[in-house]
């Protein structure tokens, strides 16, 4: 029985705990609002408000006329610079990738400018589909200076190959910081086929310029993440007045 004053918050806490402990598993349909209200001895409105809160958190999906279902856990991106593989592992899943295209090319002018390259400089172009437990989660397009990493694309690329790990182990280059531009987007037709979601689904677009410890730009990437599987968490600190 729930007796705290803020009833809907306590219903939310109870449901989140039930999901986290596996009482309700991913894909399970939750009991109806009326049934939950009877079991928890609260009003229907409190249950509805709690379910709306869980929907905003991405913990459940409300399907009108069908019911409420436990959502697949979201992969959380944050304010620390971490590789896709490390983020996925932190969520208890196995990272992977499918290389759709890799080549050495002359970049477009805006890419060349962002990487501080001369007009004749080439880049390693890498186009990958990123996976978690075999499920497609993101499309990554990377441009990396060829003169700094001349044989980056040589050799086999396995499902768990990490660019940042190659930077460190093969070239002794450590990723230090990145500049990001994050925006909402809609998944296009081609992207929807790769990500296995409906065209027009919400997505997260991230433009990412990565620097080494000396402030040299070493990667310019343009990534599309599934909006239903990702959330972005940022900690803001108030500047002293």
C-alpha atoms as a PDB file:
ATOM      1  CA  UNK A   1       0.000   0.000   0.000  1.00  0.00           C
ATOM      2  CA  UNK A   2       1.271   3.511  -0.861  1.00  0.00           C
ATOM      3  CA  UNK A   3       0.717   6.143   1.819  1.00  0.00           C
ATOM      4  CA  UNK A   4       3.124   9.023   0.928  1.00  0.00           C
ATOM      5  CA  UNK A   5       1.668  12.444   0.124  1.00  0.00           C
ATOM      6  CA  UNK A   6       2.958  12.701  -3.440  1.00  0.00           C
ATOM      7  CA  UNK A   7       1.087   9.638  -4.634  1.00  0.00           C
ATOM      8  CA  UNK A   8       1.966   9.721  -8.325  1.00  0.00           C
ATOM      9  CA  UNK A   9       5.699  10.003  -7.499  1.00  0.00           C
ATOM     10  CA  UNK A  10       5.476   6.947  -5.276  1.00  0.00           C
ATOM     11  CA  UNK A  11       3.620   5.027  -7.966  1.00  0.00           C
ATOM     12  CA  UNK A  12       6.424   5.984 -10.376  1.00  0.00           C
ATOM     13  CA  UNK A  13       9.058   4.810  -7.890  1.00  0.00           C
ATOM     14  CA  UNK A  14       7.234   1.518  -7.358  1.00  0.00           C
ATOM     15  CA  UNK A  15       6.930   0.845 -11.082  1.00  0.00           C
ATOM     16  CA  UNK A  16      10.580   1.745 -11.777  1.00  0.00           C
ATOM     17  CA  UNK A  17      11.706  -0.577  -8.981  1.00  0.00           C
ATOM     18  CA  UNK A  18       9.488  -3.356 -10.329  1.00  0.00           C
ATOM     19  CA  UNK A  19      11.010  -2.920 -13.799  1.00  0.00           C
ATOM     20  CA  UNK A  20      14.586  -2.711 -12.486  1.00  0.00           C
ATOM     21  CA  UNK A  21      14.139  -5.891 -10.433  1.00  0.00           C
ATOM     22  CA  UNK A  22      12.737  -7.742 -13.441  1.00  0.00           C
ATOM     23  CA  UNK A  23       9.190  -8.130 -12.171  1.00  0.00           C
ATOM     24  CA  UNK A  24       8.176  -6.470 -15.422  1.00  0.00           C
ATOM     25  CA  UNK A  25      10.615  -7.225 -18.255  1.00  0.00           C
ATOM     26  CA  UNK A  26      11.337  -5.451 -21.536  1.00  0.00           C
ATOM     27  CA  UNK A  27       8.349  -5.849 -23.851  1.00  0.00           C
ATOM     28  CA  UNK A  28       5.949  -6.881 -21.064  1.00  0.00           C
ATOM     29  CA  UNK A  29       2.518  -5.308 -21.006  1.00  0.00           C
ATOM     30  CA  UNK A  30       1.772  -3.618 -17.694  1.00  0.00           C
ATOM     31  CA  UNK A  31      -1.530  -4.165 -15.899  1.00  0.00           C
ATOM     32  CA  UNK A  32      -4.290  -1.725 -16.764  1.00  0.00           C
ATOM     33  CA  UNK A  33      -4.582   1.605 -14.976  1.00  0.00           C
ATOM     34  CA  UNK A  34      -7.594   0.287 -13.060  1.00  0.00           C
ATOM     35  CA  UNK A  35      -5.778  -2.893 -11.986  1.00  0.00           C
ATOM     36  CA  UNK A  36      -2.697  -0.999 -10.818  1.00  0.00           C
ATOM     37  CA  UNK A  37      -4.884   1.449  -8.936  1.00  0.00           C
ATOM     38  CA  UNK A  38      -6.620  -1.416  -7.113  1.00  0.00           C
ATOM     39  CA  UNK A  39      -3.348  -3.203  -6.301  1.00  0.00           C
ATOM     40  CA  UNK A  40      -1.643  -0.053  -5.003  1.00  0.00           C
ATOM     41  CA  UNK A  41      -4.804   1.376  -3.431  1.00  0.00           C
ATOM     42  CA  UNK A  42      -4.502   4.729  -5.185  1.00  0.00           C
ATOM     43  CA  UNK A  43      -6.627   6.697  -7.613  1.00  0.00           C
ATOM     44  CA  UNK A  44      -6.664   6.093 -11.348  1.00  0.00           C
ATOM     45  CA  UNK A  45      -5.414   9.648 -11.956  1.00  0.00           C
ATOM     46  CA  UNK A  46      -2.285   9.005  -9.874  1.00  0.00           C
ATOM     47  CA  UNK A  47      -1.481   5.910 -11.932  1.00  0.00           C
ATOM     48  CA  UNK A  48      -2.035   7.756 -15.202  1.00  0.00           C
ATOM     49  CA  UNK A  49       0.262  10.583 -14.078  1.00  0.00           C
ATOM     50  CA  UNK A  50       2.927   8.066 -13.018  1.00  0.00           C
ATOM     51  CA  UNK A  51       2.749   6.309 -16.398  1.00  0.00           C
ATOM     52  CA  UNK A  52       3.121   9.636 -18.212  1.00  0.00           C
ATOM     53  CA  UNK A  53       6.217  10.306 -16.102  1.00  0.00           C
ATOM     54  CA  UNK A  54       7.688   6.886 -16.969  1.00  0.00           C
ATOM     55  CA  UNK A  55       6.919   7.519 -20.624  1.00  0.00           C
ATOM     56  CA  UNK A  56       8.848  10.813 -20.466  1.00  0.00           C
ATOM     57  CA  UNK A  57      11.774   8.926 -18.922  1.00  0.00           C
ATOM     58  CA  UNK A  58      11.630   6.386 -21.739  1.00  0.00           C
ATOM     59  CA  UNK A  59      10.872   3.519 -19.343  1.00  0.00           C
ATOM     60  CA  UNK A  60       7.485   2.621 -20.864  1.00  0.00           C
ATOM     61  CA  UNK A  61       5.702   3.013 -24.174  1.00  0.00           C
ATOM     62  CA  UNK A  62       2.010   3.916 -24.260  1.00  0.00           C
ATOM     63  CA  UNK A  63       0.140   2.442 -27.218  1.00  0.00           C
ATOM     64  CA  UNK A  64      -3.341   3.934 -27.415  1.00  0.00           C
ATOM     65  CA  UNK A  65      -6.028   1.304 -27.456  1.00  0.00           C
ATOM     66  CA  UNK A  66      -3.524  -1.466 -26.740  1.00  0.00           C
ATOM     67  CA  UNK A  67      -1.827  -0.802 -23.409  1.00  0.00           C
ATOM     68  CA  UNK A  68       1.417   0.212 -21.728  1.00  0.00           C
ATOM     69  CA  UNK A  69       4.608  -1.746 -22.389  1.00  0.00           C
ATOM     70  CA  UNK A  70       8.048  -1.786 -20.763  1.00  0.00           C
ATOM     71  CA  UNK A  71      10.499  -0.083 -23.125  1.00  0.00           C
ATOM     72  CA  UNK A  72      13.906  -1.355 -24.144  1.00  0.00           C
ATOM     73  CA  UNK A  73      16.472   0.376 -21.892  1.00  0.00           C
ATOM     74  CA  UNK A  74      18.002   3.487 -23.446  1.00  0.00           C
ATOM     75  CA  UNK A  75      21.719   3.924 -23.900  1.00  0.00           C
ATOM     76  CA  UNK A  76      22.670   7.108 -22.086  1.00  0.00           C
ATOM     77  CA  UNK A  77      25.114   9.533 -23.624  1.00  0.00           C
ATOM     78  CA  UNK A  78      26.684  11.991 -21.219  1.00  0.00           C
ATOM     79  CA  UNK A  79      29.202  14.747 -20.724  1.00  0.00           C
ATOM     80  CA  UNK A  80      32.223  12.454 -20.651  1.00  0.00           C
ATOM     81  CA  UNK A  81      34.019  11.620 -23.901  1.00  0.00           C
ATOM     82  CA  UNK A  82      33.603   7.872 -24.226  1.00  0.00           C
ATOM     83  CA  UNK A  83      33.635   5.582 -27.232  1.00  0.00           C
ATOM     84  CA  UNK A  84      30.430   3.977 -28.456  1.00  0.00           C
ATOM     85  CA  UNK A  85      31.807   0.576 -27.464  1.00  0.00           C
ATOM     86  CA  UNK A  86      32.501   1.660 -23.877  1.00  0.00           C
ATOM     87  CA  UNK A  87      29.063   3.271 -23.504  1.00  0.00           C
ATOM     88  CA  UNK A  88      27.348   0.086 -24.675  1.00  0.00           C
ATOM     89  CA  UNK A  89      29.476  -2.124 -22.395  1.00  0.00           C
ATOM     90  CA  UNK A  90      28.581   0.087 -19.428  1.00  0.00           C
ATOM     91  CA  UNK A  91      24.941  -0.790 -20.100  1.00  0.00           C
ATOM     92  CA  UNK A  92      25.743  -4.505 -19.908  1.00  0.00           C
ATOM     93  CA  UNK A  93      25.445  -5.066 -23.656  1.00  0.00           C
ATOM     94  CA  UNK A  94      27.885  -6.265 -26.298  1.00  0.00           C
ATOM     95  CA  UNK A  95      28.994  -3.589 -28.793  1.00  0.00           C
ATOM     96  CA  UNK A  96      29.464  -4.268 -32.476  1.00  0.00           C
ATOM     97  CA  UNK A  97      29.703  -2.573 -35.840  1.00  0.00           C
ATOM     98  CA  UNK A  98      29.236  -3.282 -39.516  1.00  0.00           C
ATOM     99  CA  UNK A  99      31.552  -1.399 -41.868  1.00  0.00           C
ATOM    100  CA  UNK A 100      29.393  -0.205 -44.763  1.00  0.00           C
ATOM    101  CA  UNK A 101      32.179   1.707 -46.517  1.00  0.00           C
ATOM    102  CA  UNK A 102      35.829   2.544 -45.873  1.00  0.00           C
ATOM    103  CA  UNK A 103      38.103   4.440 -48.241  1.00  0.00           C
ATOM    104  CA  UNK A 104      40.753   7.143 -48.529  1.00  0.00           C
ATOM    105  CA  UNK A 105      39.210  10.213 -50.173  1.00  0.00           C
ATOM    106  CA  UNK A 106      39.625  13.947 -50.762  1.00  0.00           C
ATOM    107  CA  UNK A 107      37.221  15.614 -48.310  1.00  0.00           C
ATOM    108  CA  UNK A 108      34.708  18.350 -48.968  1.00  0.00           C
ATOM    109  CA  UNK A 109      35.932  21.877 -48.121  1.00  0.00           C
ATOM    110  CA  UNK A 110      34.003  22.100 -44.828  1.00  0.00           C
ATOM    111  CA  UNK A 111      35.520  18.805 -43.625  1.00  0.00           C
ATOM    112  CA  UNK A 112      38.985  19.983 -44.647  1.00  0.00           C
ATOM    113  CA  UNK A 113      38.490  23.214 -42.712  1.00  0.00           C
ATOM    114  CA  UNK A 114      37.270  21.462 -39.565  1.00  0.00           C
ATOM    115  CA  UNK A 115      40.305  19.143 -39.601  1.00  0.00           C
ATOM    116  CA  UNK A 116      42.808  21.922 -40.441  1.00  0.00           C
ATOM    117  CA  UNK A 117      43.918  20.141 -43.619  1.00  0.00           C
ATOM    118  CA  UNK A 118      45.695  21.429 -46.703  1.00  0.00           C
ATOM    119  CA  UNK A 119      43.848  21.326 -50.032  1.00  0.00           C
ATOM    120  CA  UNK A 120      45.620  18.159 -51.196  1.00  0.00           C
ATOM    121  CA  UNK A 121      45.293  16.295 -47.874  1.00  0.00           C
ATOM    122  CA  UNK A 122      43.164  13.173 -47.880  1.00  0.00           C
ATOM    123  CA  UNK A 123      41.089  11.598 -45.133  1.00  0.00           C
ATOM    124  CA  UNK A 124      40.196   8.107 -44.015  1.00  0.00           C
ATOM    125  CA  UNK A 125      36.457   7.826 -44.660  1.00  0.00           C
ATOM    126  CA  UNK A 126      34.604   5.328 -42.489  1.00  0.00           C
ATOM    127  CA  UNK A 127      30.857   4.668 -42.667  1.00  0.00           C
ATOM    128  CA  UNK A 128      29.594   2.253 -40.010  1.00  0.00           C
ATOM    129  CA  UNK A 129      26.412   0.863 -38.509  1.00  0.00           C
ATOM    130  CA  UNK A 130      26.844   0.528 -34.743  1.00  0.00           C
ATOM    131  CA  UNK A 131      25.190  -2.303 -32.833  1.00  0.00           C
ATOM    132  CA  UNK A 132      24.340  -3.310 -29.268  1.00  0.00           C
ATOM    133  CA  UNK A 133      23.618  -6.999 -28.708  1.00  0.00           C
ATOM    134  CA  UNK A 134      23.256  -7.243 -32.484  1.00  0.00           C
ATOM    135  CA  UNK A 135      20.599  -4.511 -32.694  1.00  0.00           C
ATOM    136  CA  UNK A 136      21.351  -1.452 -34.897  1.00  0.00           C
ATOM    137  CA  UNK A 137      21.466   1.706 -32.796  1.00  0.00           C
ATOM    138  CA  UNK A 138      23.471   4.335 -34.678  1.00  0.00           C
ATOM    139  CA  UNK A 139      24.955   5.318 -38.032  1.00  0.00           C
ATOM    140  CA  UNK A 140      28.434   6.848 -37.833  1.00  0.00           C
ATOM    141  CA  UNK A 141      30.244   8.721 -40.603  1.00  0.00           C
ATOM    142  CA  UNK A 142      33.868   9.549 -39.720  1.00  0.00           C
ATOM    143  CA  UNK A 143      36.583  11.593 -41.430  1.00  0.00           C
ATOM    144  CA  UNK A 144      40.107  11.082 -40.037  1.00  0.00           C
ATOM    145  CA  UNK A 145      43.318  12.745 -41.356  1.00  0.00           C
ATOM    146  CA  UNK A 146      45.198  10.253 -43.515  1.00  0.00           C
ATOM    147  CA  UNK A 147      48.598  11.864 -42.956  1.00  0.00           C
ATOM    148  CA  UNK A 148      48.247  11.322 -39.195  1.00  0.00           C
ATOM    149  CA  UNK A 149      46.846   7.795 -39.487  1.00  0.00           C
ATOM    150  CA  UNK A 150      48.147   6.506 -42.860  1.00  0.00           C
ATOM    151  CA  UNK A 151      47.233   2.822 -42.523  1.00  0.00           C
ATOM    152  CA  UNK A 152      44.183   3.155 -40.314  1.00  0.00           C
ATOM    153  CA  UNK A 153      41.877   1.303 -42.697  1.00  0.00           C
ATOM    154  CA  UNK A 154      44.289  -1.532 -43.414  1.00  0.00           C
ATOM    155  CA  UNK A 155      43.810  -4.976 -41.952  1.00  0.00           C
ATOM    156  CA  UNK A 156      40.664  -6.708 -40.726  1.00  0.00           C
ATOM    157  CA  UNK A 157      37.849  -4.799 -39.058  1.00  0.00           C
ATOM    158  CA  UNK A 158      35.890  -6.975 -36.649  1.00  0.00           C
ATOM    159  CA  UNK A 159      32.549  -6.346 -34.977  1.00  0.00           C
ATOM    160  CA  UNK A 160      34.235  -4.876 -31.894  1.00  0.00           C
ATOM    161  CA  UNK A 161      36.912  -2.736 -33.578  1.00  0.00           C
ATOM    162  CA  UNK A 162      37.218   0.650 -31.808  1.00  0.00           C
ATOM    163  CA  UNK A 163      38.796   3.652 -33.559  1.00  0.00           C
ATOM    164  CA  UNK A 164      39.823   5.248 -30.261  1.00  0.00           C
ATOM    165  CA  UNK A 165      41.531   2.022 -29.192  1.00  0.00           C
ATOM    166  CA  UNK A 166      43.433   1.917 -32.512  1.00  0.00           C
ATOM    167  CA  UNK A 167      44.477   5.545 -32.032  1.00  0.00           C
ATOM    168  CA  UNK A 168      46.037   4.672 -28.685  1.00  0.00           C
ATOM    169  CA  UNK A 169      47.514   1.228 -29.392  1.00  0.00           C
ATOM    170  CA  UNK A 170      48.802   1.711 -32.947  1.00  0.00           C
ATOM    171  CA  UNK A 171      49.649   5.412 -33.035  1.00  0.00           C
ATOM    172  CA  UNK A 172      50.087   6.402 -29.399  1.00  0.00           C
ATOM    173  CA  UNK A 173      47.478   9.148 -29.819  1.00  0.00           C
ATOM    174  CA  UNK A 174      45.118   9.772 -26.918  1.00  0.00           C
ATOM    175  CA  UNK A 175      41.680  11.277 -27.442  1.00  0.00           C
ATOM    176  CA  UNK A 176      41.445  14.277 -25.119  1.00  0.00           C
ATOM    177  CA  UNK A 177      38.248  16.250 -25.745  1.00  0.00           C
ATOM    178  CA  UNK A 178      35.534  16.920 -28.317  1.00  0.00           C
ATOM    179  CA  UNK A 179      33.214  19.644 -29.547  1.00  0.00           C
ATOM    180  CA  UNK A 180      29.652  18.479 -30.140  1.00  0.00           C
ATOM    181  CA  UNK A 181      26.573  19.928 -31.771  1.00  0.00           C
ATOM    182  CA  UNK A 182      23.471  17.955 -30.831  1.00  0.00           C
ATOM    183  CA  UNK A 183      20.102  18.361 -32.517  1.00  0.00           C
ATOM    184  CA  UNK A 184      16.843  16.558 -33.034  1.00  0.00           C
ATOM    185  CA  UNK A 185      16.218  15.000 -36.417  1.00  0.00           C
ATOM    186  CA  UNK A 186      13.849  12.687 -38.273  1.00  0.00           C
ATOM    187  CA  UNK A 187      15.113   9.388 -39.615  1.00  0.00           C
ATOM    188  CA  UNK A 188      15.225   9.355 -43.443  1.00  0.00           C
ATOM    189  CA  UNK A 189      14.248   6.463 -45.683  1.00  0.00           C
ATOM    190  CA  UNK A 190      17.781   5.103 -46.129  1.00  0.00           C
ATOM    191  CA  UNK A 191      18.565   5.569 -42.455  1.00  0.00           C
ATOM    192  CA  UNK A 192      15.357   3.802 -41.440  1.00  0.00           C
ATOM    193  CA  UNK A 193      16.373   0.709 -43.385  1.00  0.00           C
ATOM    194  CA  UNK A 194      19.744   0.580 -41.648  1.00  0.00           C
ATOM    195  CA  UNK A 195      18.388   1.301 -38.172  1.00  0.00           C
ATOM    196  CA  UNK A 196      15.283  -0.882 -38.618  1.00  0.00           C
ATOM    197  CA  UNK A 197      12.852   1.830 -37.539  1.00  0.00           C
ATOM    198  CA  UNK A 198      10.040   3.589 -39.368  1.00  0.00           C
ATOM    199  CA  UNK A 199      10.881   6.462 -41.695  1.00  0.00           C
ATOM    200  CA  UNK A 200      10.193   9.749 -39.924  1.00  0.00           C
ATOM    201  CA  UNK A 201      10.978   8.303 -36.485  1.00  0.00           C
ATOM    202  CA  UNK A 202      12.723  10.690 -34.055  1.00  0.00           C
ATOM    203  CA  UNK A 203      16.500  10.589 -34.010  1.00  0.00           C
ATOM    204  CA  UNK A 204      19.443  12.376 -32.432  1.00  0.00           C
ATOM    205  CA  UNK A 205      21.993  14.017 -34.716  1.00  0.00           C
ATOM    206  CA  UNK A 206      25.485  14.593 -33.299  1.00  0.00           C
ATOM    207  CA  UNK A 207      28.243  16.476 -35.098  1.00  0.00           C
ATOM    208  CA  UNK A 208      31.460  15.616 -33.315  1.00  0.00           C
ATOM    209  CA  UNK A 209      34.976  17.063 -33.704  1.00  0.00           C
ATOM    210  CA  UNK A 210      37.557  15.163 -31.649  1.00  0.00           C
ATOM    211  CA  UNK A 211      40.945  16.510 -30.518  1.00  0.00           C
ATOM    212  CA  UNK A 212      44.121  14.917 -29.176  1.00  0.00           C
ATOM    213  CA  UNK A 213      46.030  16.101 -26.100  1.00  0.00           C
ATOM    214  CA  UNK A 214      47.802  18.782 -28.187  1.00  0.00           C
ATOM    215  CA  UNK A 215      44.563  20.281 -29.468  1.00  0.00           C
ATOM    216  CA  UNK A 216      44.950  18.778 -32.956  1.00  0.00           C
ATOM    217  CA  UNK A 217      41.632  17.730 -34.569  1.00  0.00           C
ATOM    218  CA  UNK A 218      41.859  13.995 -35.326  1.00  0.00           C
ATOM    219  CA  UNK A 219      38.281  13.101 -36.244  1.00  0.00           C
ATOM    220  CA  UNK A 220      35.226  14.826 -37.653  1.00  0.00           C
ATOM    221  CA  UNK A 221      32.124  12.672 -37.407  1.00  0.00           C
ATOM    222  CA  UNK A 222      28.419  12.950 -38.208  1.00  0.00           C
ATOM    223  CA  UNK A 223      26.270  10.461 -36.348  1.00  0.00           C
ATOM    224  CA  UNK A 224      22.596   9.558 -36.306  1.00  0.00           C
ATOM    225  CA  UNK A 225      21.263   7.793 -33.213  1.00  0.00           C
ATOM    226  CA  UNK A 226      17.877   6.163 -32.718  1.00  0.00           C
ATOM    227  CA  UNK A 227      15.734   8.443 -30.583  1.00  0.00           C
ATOM    228  CA  UNK A 228      13.897   5.505 -29.014  1.00  0.00           C
ATOM    229  CA  UNK A 229      17.123   3.962 -27.694  1.00  0.00           C
ATOM    230  CA  UNK A 230      19.173   6.988 -26.649  1.00  0.00           C
ATOM    231  CA  UNK A 231      18.952   9.818 -24.209  1.00  0.00           C
ATOM    232  CA  UNK A 232      21.500  12.547 -23.592  1.00  0.00           C
ATOM    233  CA  UNK A 233      22.404  13.500 -20.025  1.00  0.00           C
ATOM    234  CA  UNK A 234      24.368  16.661 -19.219  1.00  0.00           C
ATOM    235  CA  UNK A 235      25.361  18.077 -15.850  1.00  0.00           C
ATOM    236  CA  UNK A 236      25.243  21.888 -15.749  1.00  0.00           C
ATOM    237  CA  UNK A 237      27.261  23.843 -13.204  1.00  0.00           C
ATOM    238  CA  UNK A 238      26.271  27.421 -12.376  1.00  0.00           C
ATOM    239  CA  UNK A 239      29.059  29.928 -12.940  1.00  0.00           C
ATOM    240  CA  UNK A 240      29.976  31.959  -9.885  1.00  0.00           C
ATOM    241  CA  UNK A 241      28.643  35.494 -10.119  1.00  0.00           C
END
